[in-house]
Amino acid sequence: MPLQPERYKIMNNDQRWARGERVRPEQAPRWERSVIEKLATESIKEQRRSRRWGIFFKLLGFGYFAAVLVLAFGKGLLNFPLGEAEKHTAIIDVSGPIAIGEPANADRIVAGVKAAFEDENTAGVILRINSPGGSPVQSGRIFDEVRRLRAEHSETPLYAVIEDLCASGGYYIAAAADQIFADKASLVGSIGVRSGGFGFVDTMEKLGVERRLITSGNNKAFLDPFSPLKDDEVNHMESLLADIHEQFKSVVREGRGDALSDDEDVFNGLIWTGEQAVANGLVDKIGSEMTVAREIFDAEKLVNFTPQDGLLSQITDGVGVSFASGLVSRLSNLNIGY
């Protein structure tokens, strides 16, 4: 039966939509238009949220990258010159025990000295020392390399400045400088060699523990802490220490030259105050790094060239290497140091 025109006219839009007839958007039912508007609004909001999160993660990534650079390259990034660079005094810190696995090791100190000499704006280099000493080998390597670099860059002076303590291997390194400055209350010297350890023979007897040791070579168990001490072993160790002591004295004489006192007591292992060290020739003058930078180098700006480890390296080295090397050195009777 054909559709009556009159009936079609009286039908509303909802009725026409229900019958599947096409209607213009403005004629669509109100609930459908509301749903479409909500979907469009939510879509726009979601796009805005995604854009904001994208910006956030980009900034986070940039911040992480910047932090990695700072941790990897240390203070060098902060000293990047802007515009015309001014002359500065380069500082290399020799702090704490001088040994492999410690901040004051030969590789690190030499790298800092090399970078300082090669910087075209360096007016002078200062070894700022606060160390009780340490490894004769590490101290010797630093001394030799500092002297070599000093010869290659003869136009750039190198001074040592002592803070609280400059003993043993610390003074070995200081002897490589053109001049040595110290505070009047600084402790300087201890030019000697030592070796220490422990013996557990009586303890093992009291505990009823039997020592079983098999070697090939009469002296392979040299100064074994669980075996009785032998006179020939002691005599040999004393000869080793005496030889290393002579090497130390030779380096000090070479570095200090005519400034050093003729009194052999400066080599007996004692320490001296800064004022006393000036009197016996171990120190040239009383002063600080600022004294040297201002009055000698005429460059008051201080730039630290001491290489810095990244955060992760500091944690792993500090917990692993230092603990292991410290434990071994305390149990071994072959622990020789300045």
Protein backbone atom coordinates (compact mmCIF):
# COMPACT_ATOMS: atom_id res chain seq x y z
CA MET A 1 0.00 0.00 0.00
CA PRO A 2 1.56 3.35 -0.94
CA LEU A 3 2.71 5.67 1.83
CA GLN A 4 0.30 8.48 2.55
CA PRO A 5 1.95 11.88 2.20
CA GLU A 6 -0.10 13.28 5.04
CA ARG A 7 1.12 10.52 7.37
CA TYR A 8 4.70 11.14 6.40
CA LYS A 9 4.39 14.80 7.24
CA ILE A 10 3.12 14.24 10.73
CA MET A 11 5.94 11.82 11.66
CA ASN A 12 8.66 13.40 13.85
CA ASN A 13 12.42 12.87 13.36
CA ASP A 14 12.67 10.13 15.97
CA GLN A 15 10.03 8.13 14.18
CA ARG A 16 11.70 8.64 10.80
CA TRP A 17 15.14 7.59 12.32
CA ALA A 18 13.55 4.44 13.75
CA ARG A 19 12.21 3.53 10.30
CA GLY A 20 15.73 3.80 8.85
CA GLU A 21 15.08 6.89 6.80
CA ARG A 22 17.90 9.34 6.14
CA VAL A 23 17.73 12.66 7.96
CA ARG A 24 20.05 15.63 7.98
CA PRO A 25 22.44 16.01 11.00
CA GLU A 26 20.46 18.90 12.34
CA GLN A 27 17.39 16.64 12.19
CA ALA A 28 19.10 13.76 14.10
CA PRO A 29 17.66 12.72 17.45
CA ARG A 30 18.91 14.79 20.40
CA TRP A 31 20.46 11.82 22.30
CA GLU A 32 22.57 10.81 19.31
CA ARG A 33 23.83 14.33 18.77
CA SER A 34 24.76 14.51 22.45
CA VAL A 35 26.74 11.26 22.21
CA ILE A 36 28.60 12.49 19.13
CA GLU A 37 29.45 15.78 20.83
CA LYS A 38 30.75 13.97 23.93
CA LEU A 39 32.88 11.63 21.83
CA ALA A 40 34.37 14.55 19.91
CA THR A 41 35.05 16.46 23.13
CA GLU A 42 36.70 13.48 24.79
CA SER A 43 38.80 12.88 21.70
CA ILE A 44 40.09 16.46 21.81
CA LYS A 45 40.83 16.17 25.53
CA GLU A 46 42.70 12.90 24.97
CA GLN A 47 44.80 14.50 22.25
CA ARG A 48 45.68 17.37 24.58
CA ARG A 49 46.60 14.96 27.37
CA SER A 50 48.78 12.95 25.00
CA ARG A 51 50.51 16.13 23.85
CA ARG A 52 51.18 17.22 27.43
CA TRP A 53 52.61 13.79 28.37
CA GLY A 54 54.74 13.85 25.25
CA ILE A 55 56.23 17.21 26.22
CA PHE A 56 56.79 15.95 29.78
CA PHE A 57 58.67 12.83 28.67
CA LYS A 58 60.79 14.84 26.23
CA LEU A 59 61.78 17.22 29.02
CA LEU A 60 62.45 14.26 31.32
CA GLY A 61 64.65 12.63 28.69
CA PHE A 62 66.57 15.86 28.14
CA GLY A 63 67.10 16.27 31.89
CA TYR A 64 68.34 12.68 32.18
CA PHE A 65 70.77 13.20 29.29
CA ALA A 66 72.08 16.41 30.87
CA ALA A 67 72.56 14.64 34.23
CA VAL A 68 74.50 11.83 32.54
CA LEU A 69 76.79 14.36 30.88
CA VAL A 70 77.47 16.12 34.18
CA LEU A 71 78.17 12.85 35.99
CA ALA A 72 80.35 11.57 33.16
CA PHE A 73 82.47 14.63 32.58
CA GLY A 74 82.31 16.25 36.00
CA LYS A 75 83.16 19.82 36.62
CA GLY A 76 84.68 20.33 33.20
CA LEU A 77 81.25 21.06 31.73
CA LEU A 78 80.66 23.79 34.26
CA ASN A 79 83.93 25.48 33.36
CA PHE A 80 83.14 25.89 29.67
CA PRO A 81 84.25 29.39 28.75
CA LEU A 82 81.74 31.87 27.38
CA GLY A 83 83.16 34.57 25.21
CA GLU A 84 86.80 35.47 25.70
CA ALA A 85 88.26 33.16 28.36
CA GLU A 86 90.37 34.61 31.14
CA LYS A 87 93.55 33.14 32.54
CA HIS A 88 93.06 30.77 35.46
CA THR A 89 94.98 28.72 37.99
CA ALA A 90 94.53 24.98 37.49
CA ILE A 91 93.96 22.85 40.60
CA ILE A 92 94.55 19.10 40.85
CA ASP A 93 93.58 17.55 44.18
CA VAL A 94 95.69 14.77 45.69
CA SER A 95 93.45 13.75 48.58
CA GLY A 96 93.48 10.65 50.75
CA PRO A 97 95.57 7.48 50.42
CA ILE A 98 97.63 7.18 47.25
CA ALA A 99 96.78 3.76 45.87
CA ILE A 100 95.04 1.88 43.08
CA GLY A 101 91.29 1.96 43.67
CA GLU A 102 91.51 5.24 45.58
CA PRO A 103 90.73 8.72 44.20
CA ALA A 104 94.44 9.61 44.49
CA ASN A 105 95.77 7.07 42.00
CA ALA A 106 98.40 7.67 39.34
CA ASP A 107 96.11 7.44 36.31
CA ARG A 108 93.67 10.02 37.65
CA ILE A 109 96.24 12.51 38.96
CA VAL A 110 98.39 12.35 35.82
CA ALA A 111 95.33 12.81 33.59
CA GLY A 112 94.37 15.93 35.55
CA VAL A 113 97.89 17.39 35.36
CA LYS A 114 98.08 16.69 31.62
CA ALA A 115 94.72 18.38 30.97
CA ALA A 116 95.75 21.39 33.05
CA PHE A 117 99.01 21.87 31.17
CA GLU A 118 97.32 21.50 27.79
CA ASP A 119 94.66 24.13 28.53
CA GLU A 120 95.76 27.31 26.76
CA ASN A 121 94.27 29.51 29.50
CA THR A 122 96.21 27.91 32.35
CA ALA A 123 98.54 30.45 33.96
CA GLY A 124 99.92 27.93 36.45
CA VAL A 125 99.21 24.53 37.96
CA ILE A 126 98.77 23.69 41.66
CA LEU A 127 98.93 20.23 43.19
CA ARG A 128 96.70 20.66 46.25
CA ILE A 129 97.83 17.85 48.56
CA ASN A 130 96.13 16.45 51.63
CA SER A 131 97.38 12.89 51.92
CA PRO A 132 98.96 10.53 54.48
CA GLY A 133 100.89 8.75 51.72
CA GLY A 134 100.44 5.31 50.24
CA SER A 135 101.87 3.18 47.47
CA PRO A 136 105.52 3.79 46.51
CA VAL A 137 104.73 2.72 42.95
CA GLN A 138 101.76 5.05 42.52
CA SER A 139 103.66 7.94 44.11
CA GLY A 140 106.66 7.28 41.88
CA ARG A 141 104.55 7.17 38.73
CA ILE A 142 102.93 10.49 39.58
CA PHE A 143 106.30 12.10 40.37
CA ASP A 144 107.87 10.91 37.10
CA GLU A 145 104.94 11.99 34.93
CA VAL A 146 104.61 15.39 36.61
CA ARG A 147 108.31 16.05 36.01
CA ARG A 148 107.98 14.97 32.38
CA LEU A 149 104.94 17.17 31.75
CA ARG A 150 106.60 20.05 33.54
CA ALA A 151 109.57 19.75 31.17
CA GLU A 152 107.28 19.67 28.13
CA HIS A 153 105.44 22.80 29.31
CA SER A 154 108.35 24.74 30.75
CA GLU A 155 106.51 28.05 30.32
CA THR A 156 103.82 26.98 32.82
CA PRO A 157 104.88 26.83 36.50
CA LEU A 158 103.74 24.03 38.80
CA TYR A 159 103.51 24.51 42.57
CA ALA A 160 102.44 22.21 45.40
CA VAL A 161 100.19 23.53 48.17
CA ILE A 162 99.85 21.47 51.35
CA GLU A 163 96.59 21.53 53.27
CA ASP A 164 96.34 19.59 56.56
CA LEU A 165 98.76 16.74 55.85
CA CYS A 166 101.46 15.94 53.31
CA ALA A 167 103.24 12.84 54.52
CA SER A 168 105.25 10.03 52.94
CA GLY A 169 103.99 9.45 49.38
CA GLY A 170 102.19 12.79 49.50
CA TYR A 171 105.52 14.55 49.98
CA TYR A 172 107.11 12.30 47.34
CA ILE A 173 104.66 13.87 44.84
CA ALA A 174 105.13 17.40 46.22
CA ALA A 175 108.86 17.14 45.55
CA ALA A 176 108.09 17.28 41.81
CA ALA A 177 106.85 20.88 42.10
CA ASP A 178 108.83 24.05 41.41
CA GLN A 179 108.00 25.29 44.90
CA ILE A 180 106.04 24.01 47.91
CA PHE A 181 103.70 26.15 50.01
CA ALA A 182 102.05 25.10 53.28
CA ASP A 183 100.07 26.49 56.17
CA LYS A 184 102.10 27.15 59.30
CA ALA A 185 100.16 24.36 61.06
CA SER A 186 100.30 21.83 58.22
CA LEU A 187 101.99 18.51 58.97
CA VAL A 188 104.81 17.73 56.53
CA GLY A 189 107.37 14.99 56.08
CA SER A 190 107.37 11.36 57.24
CA ILE A 191 110.09 10.57 54.71
CA GLY A 192 110.49 6.87 55.32
CA VAL A 193 109.10 3.45 54.41
CA ARG A 194 107.07 1.04 56.47
CA SER A 195 105.72 -2.48 56.29
CA GLY A 196 103.27 -3.95 58.76
CA GLY A 197 101.11 -6.98 59.30
CA PHE A 198 99.89 -9.46 61.91
CA GLY A 199 101.00 -12.82 63.27
CA PHE A 200 98.48 -15.48 64.29
CA VAL A 201 100.80 -18.31 65.41
CA ASP A 202 99.97 -18.16 69.14
CA THR A 203 96.27 -17.70 68.40
CA MET A 204 96.24 -20.85 66.26
CA GLU A 205 97.99 -22.84 68.99
CA LYS A 206 95.43 -21.74 71.58
CA LEU A 207 92.60 -22.69 69.24
CA GLY A 208 94.20 -26.02 68.42
CA VAL A 209 94.48 -25.20 64.72
CA GLU A 210 97.25 -26.91 62.75
CA ARG A 211 98.93 -24.97 59.94
CA ARG A 212 99.37 -27.08 56.78
CA LEU A 213 101.48 -25.34 54.15
CA ILE A 214 103.16 -26.91 51.13
CA THR A 215 105.46 -24.81 48.93
CA SER A 216 107.93 -25.17 46.10
CA GLY A 217 110.72 -22.75 46.87
CA ASN A 218 112.24 -22.19 50.29
CA ASN A 219 110.90 -18.64 50.64
CA LYS A 220 107.55 -18.95 48.87
CA ALA A 221 105.77 -18.53 52.21
CA PHE A 222 107.74 -15.36 52.93
CA LEU A 223 106.38 -13.64 56.08
CA ASP A 224 103.39 -15.95 56.20
CA PRO A 225 101.22 -14.60 59.08
CA PHE A 226 100.34 -18.14 60.23
CA SER A 227 103.96 -19.30 60.49
CA PRO A 228 106.70 -18.28 62.97
CA LEU A 229 108.77 -15.22 61.98
CA LYS A 230 112.26 -16.06 60.67
CA ASP A 231 115.33 -13.87 61.08
CA ASP A 232 116.43 -14.21 57.46
CA GLU A 233 112.99 -13.10 56.29
CA VAL A 234 113.12 -10.05 58.55
CA ASN A 235 116.60 -9.17 57.30
CA HIS A 236 115.49 -9.42 53.68
CA MET A 237 112.44 -7.25 54.30
CA GLU A 238 114.61 -4.64 56.02
CA SER A 239 116.89 -4.57 52.97
CA LEU A 240 113.88 -3.99 50.72
CA LEU A 241 112.66 -1.13 52.88
CA ALA A 242 116.14 0.40 53.01
CA ASP A 243 116.38 0.30 49.21
CA ILE A 244 112.99 1.97 48.75
CA HIS A 245 113.92 4.54 51.42
CA GLU A 246 117.04 5.46 49.45
CA GLN A 247 114.89 5.92 46.34
CA PHE A 248 112.63 8.25 48.33
CA LYS A 249 115.57 10.28 49.66
CA SER A 250 117.04 10.57 46.17
CA VAL A 251 113.76 11.94 44.79
CA VAL A 252 113.50 14.51 47.59
CA ARG A 253 117.07 15.66 47.04
CA GLU A 254 116.44 15.93 43.30
CA GLY A 255 113.24 17.89 43.74
CA ARG A 256 114.33 20.23 46.53
CA GLY A 257 117.89 20.84 45.45
CA ASP A 258 119.85 23.42 47.45
CA ALA A 259 116.76 24.44 49.42
CA LEU A 260 116.94 21.22 51.44
CA SER A 261 118.75 21.19 54.77
CA ASP A 262 121.90 19.10 55.12
CA ASP A 263 120.54 17.63 58.33
CA GLU A 264 119.85 13.92 57.73
CA ASP A 265 117.09 14.03 60.35
CA VAL A 266 114.68 15.21 57.64
CA PHE A 267 114.80 11.62 56.33
CA ASN A 268 114.20 9.82 59.64
CA GLY A 269 110.43 9.50 59.24
CA LEU A 270 109.39 12.35 61.53
CA ILE A 271 106.75 14.90 60.59
CA TRP A 272 107.14 18.66 60.97
CA THR A 273 104.85 21.67 61.15
CA GLY A 274 104.72 24.02 58.19
CA GLU A 275 106.94 26.53 59.98
CA GLN A 276 109.49 23.86 60.90
CA ALA A 277 109.40 22.53 57.34
CA VAL A 278 110.31 26.00 56.03
CA ALA A 279 113.32 25.97 58.35
CA ASN A 280 114.58 22.55 57.22
CA GLY A 281 113.89 23.17 53.53
CA LEU A 282 110.99 20.80 53.00
CA VAL A 283 108.71 23.80 52.32
CA ASP A 284 109.52 27.08 50.57
CA LYS A 285 106.94 29.48 51.99
CA ILE A 286 103.83 29.76 54.13
CA GLY A 287 100.71 30.30 52.04
CA SER A 288 97.64 28.78 50.39
CA GLU A 289 96.46 28.12 46.86
CA MET A 290 94.95 31.60 46.78
CA THR A 291 98.33 33.05 47.75
CA VAL A 292 99.98 31.28 44.82
CA ALA A 293 97.19 32.09 42.37
CA ARG A 294 97.07 35.75 43.30
CA GLU A 295 100.70 36.62 43.99
CA ILE A 296 102.66 34.16 41.83
CA PHE A 297 100.43 33.25 38.86
CA ASP A 298 98.43 36.52 38.76
CA ALA A 299 95.32 34.45 38.00
CA GLU A 300 92.88 34.39 40.93
CA LYS A 301 90.28 32.30 39.14
CA LEU A 302 90.63 28.66 40.23
CA VAL A 303 89.59 25.85 37.88
CA ASN A 304 89.65 22.29 39.20
CA PHE A 305 91.04 19.78 36.69
CA THR A 306 90.82 16.75 38.98
CA PRO A 307 89.01 14.02 36.96
CA GLN A 308 85.67 13.01 38.42
CA ASP A 309 84.07 9.56 38.26
CA GLY A 310 80.41 9.07 37.41
CA LEU A 311 77.99 8.28 40.23
CA LEU A 312 77.70 4.58 39.39
CA SER A 313 81.47 4.19 39.14
CA GLN A 314 81.95 5.89 42.51
CA ILE A 315 79.51 3.48 44.19
CA THR A 316 80.91 0.29 42.66
CA ASP A 317 84.55 1.26 43.10
CA GLY A 318 84.02 2.46 46.65
CA VAL A 319 82.20 -0.67 47.79
CA GLY A 320 84.08 -3.24 45.74
CA VAL A 321 87.67 -2.38 44.93
CA SER A 322 88.46 -0.33 48.03
CA PHE A 323 87.00 -2.91 50.41
CA ALA A 324 88.81 -5.81 48.78
CA SER A 325 92.17 -4.05 48.47
CA GLY A 326 91.91 -2.74 52.03
CA LEU A 327 91.17 -6.21 53.41
CA VAL A 328 94.06 -7.79 51.54
CA SER A 329 96.51 -5.06 52.55
CA ARG A 330 95.65 -5.45 56.24
CA LEU A 331 96.02 -9.22 56.26
CA SER A 332 99.19 -9.35 54.18
CA ASN A 333 102.63 -8.93 55.75
CA LEU A 334 103.93 -7.69 52.37
CA ASN A 335 102.12 -4.38 52.76
CA ILE A 336 104.80 -1.78 51.92
CA GLY A 337 103.99 1.90 51.88
CA TYR A 338 105.33 5.40 52.34
